[in-house]
Protein backbone atom coordinates (compact mmCIF):
# COMPACT_ATOMS: atom_id res chain seq x y z
CA MET A 1 69.19 68.32 14.34
CA ASN A 2 66.84 71.31 13.61
CA ASN A 3 64.36 71.97 16.17
CA ASP A 4 61.81 72.58 13.56
CA LEU A 5 62.32 69.20 12.05
CA VAL A 6 62.32 67.49 15.06
CA THR A 7 58.99 68.75 16.15
CA CYS A 8 57.31 68.28 12.82
CA LEU A 9 58.59 64.41 13.05
CA GLN A 10 57.46 64.12 16.09
CA ALA A 11 53.99 65.40 15.67
CA SER A 12 53.05 64.40 12.11
CA VAL A 13 54.99 61.95 10.54
CA LEU A 14 55.59 59.67 13.24
CA SER A 15 52.27 59.39 14.73
CA GLY A 16 51.01 58.50 11.27
CA THR A 17 52.82 55.11 11.75
CA LEU A 18 51.23 54.62 15.24
CA PHE A 19 47.73 54.01 13.87
CA GLY A 20 47.54 50.21 14.68
CA LEU A 21 50.84 49.43 13.29
CA THR A 22 52.67 48.89 16.65
CA TYR A 23 51.78 46.87 19.61
CA ALA A 24 50.22 49.10 22.14
CA SER A 25 47.67 48.82 24.90
CA TYR A 26 45.19 51.12 22.75
CA VAL A 27 44.77 50.82 18.87
CA THR A 28 46.19 54.66 18.28
CA TYR A 29 47.95 57.41 20.08
CA HIS A 30 48.27 60.96 19.13
CA THR A 31 52.30 61.24 18.96
CA SER A 32 55.05 58.80 18.83
CA MET A 33 55.41 59.44 22.65
CA GLY A 34 52.25 58.27 23.67
CA SER A 35 52.32 54.62 24.03
CA LEU A 36 53.41 52.69 26.95
CA HIS A 37 55.96 50.91 25.26
CA TYR A 38 57.70 53.71 24.28
CA THR A 39 57.95 55.24 27.81
CA GLU A 40 59.08 52.01 29.30
CA THR A 41 61.87 51.31 26.48
CA GLN A 42 62.85 54.58 25.36
CA GLY A 43 61.09 57.90 26.82
CA GLY A 44 62.20 56.98 30.62
CA LEU A 45 59.70 56.44 33.23
CA HIS A 46 60.75 59.89 34.85
CA TYR A 47 59.21 61.53 31.51
CA ALA A 48 62.42 63.27 30.47
CA SER A 49 61.59 62.83 26.92
CA TYR A 50 58.36 64.51 27.33
CA ALA A 51 59.84 67.54 29.19
CA SER A 52 62.23 67.79 26.22
CA MET A 53 59.38 67.61 23.78
CA ALA A 54 57.50 70.23 25.77
CA LYS A 55 60.79 72.50 25.54
CA LEU A 56 60.90 71.95 21.77
CA TRP A 57 57.12 72.59 21.21
CA GLY A 58 57.64 76.02 23.26
CA LEU A 59 60.49 77.20 21.25
CA GLN A 60 58.78 76.35 18.11
CA GLY A 61 55.62 78.31 19.47
CA LEU A 62 58.14 81.47 20.28
CA ARG A 63 59.22 81.23 16.95
CA LEU A 64 56.12 81.08 14.92
CA ALA A 65 54.93 84.24 17.26
CA ASN A 66 57.47 86.15 16.13
CA ASP A 67 57.30 85.31 12.44
CA VAL A 68 55.06 85.94 9.50
CA VAL A 69 53.45 82.94 9.39
CA ILE A 70 50.64 83.52 6.92
CA ASP A 71 50.94 86.55 4.44
CA PHE A 72 47.62 88.16 5.02
CA SER A 73 48.17 90.76 2.73
CA SER A 74 48.70 88.32 -0.38
CA TYR A 75 45.55 86.42 0.84
CA ALA A 76 43.47 89.65 0.79
CA ILE A 77 44.62 90.28 -2.73
CA LEU A 78 43.28 86.90 -3.60
CA MET A 79 40.18 87.52 -1.82
CA GLN A 80 39.39 90.57 -3.85
CA GLN A 81 39.72 88.89 -7.06
CA GLY A 82 37.46 85.79 -6.22
CA PRO A 83 34.43 87.67 -5.87
CA LYS A 84 34.58 89.23 -9.24
CA GLN A 85 34.42 85.68 -10.71
CA LEU A 86 31.28 85.25 -8.17
CA VAL A 87 29.55 88.08 -9.71
CA GLU A 88 30.35 86.95 -13.29
CA PHE A 89 28.92 83.61 -12.34
CA ILE A 90 25.82 84.95 -10.69
CA ALA A 91 25.34 87.28 -13.79
CA SER A 92 25.23 84.46 -16.09
CA ALA A 93 22.97 82.32 -13.97
CA GLU A 94 20.88 85.18 -13.83
CA LEU A 95 20.58 85.35 -10.15
CA GLU A 96 20.18 88.23 -7.77
CA VAL A 97 22.25 87.98 -4.92
CA GLU A 98 23.59 90.81 -2.45
CA LEU A 99 27.06 90.69 -1.83
CA SER A 100 27.63 94.16 -0.47
CA LYS A 101 28.53 92.48 2.97
CA LEU A 102 30.96 90.20 1.54
CA PHE A 103 32.83 92.77 -0.22
CA ALA A 104 32.78 95.09 2.85
CA ALA A 105 33.95 91.82 5.06
CA ILE A 106 37.23 91.44 2.39
CA GLY A 107 37.58 95.08 2.42
CA LYS A 108 37.93 95.16 6.41
CA PHE A 109 40.14 91.98 6.02
CA GLY A 110 42.35 93.51 3.62
CA VAL A 111 42.73 96.71 6.06
CA ASN A 112 43.71 94.50 9.14
CA ALA A 113 46.11 92.43 7.02
CA ASP A 114 47.72 95.74 6.26
CA ALA A 115 47.92 96.54 9.79
CA PHE A 116 49.80 93.31 10.49
CA GLN A 117 51.95 92.98 7.47
CA VAL A 118 54.94 94.26 5.79
CA PHE A 119 53.53 94.58 2.14
CA PRO A 120 49.95 96.27 1.53
CA SER A 121 47.24 94.23 0.29
CA VAL A 122 46.28 97.07 -2.49
CA PRO A 123 49.18 97.46 -4.91
CA SER A 124 50.41 101.13 -5.25
CA THR A 125 49.52 102.99 -8.19
CA SER A 126 52.15 105.41 -8.13
């Protein structure tokens, strides 16, 4: 089975079924391996399954650390477009709001995104 799928199932899908739908000493558990019943019947009292899950989570963490998880550069483009709508809304409401710090923060985010991503946040004009 794919390690990515195993960690997803272990952390999210299966844990959703443990909120009061199984017998346990306590009402809820944080993972599918958090109950005494699981440990006694399937997990093993020497915590072998816990060690295996820790290895899988470690591998998943290493994969995520070496991969582009969030494309910050495309997010920066969206952030640059959003305030334009805000400016239009403020103008239509006849309000006076200082947005220079917001625009500066978005610009700084875009510059930092470019440093970490392959694709620049501002499309080339050439």
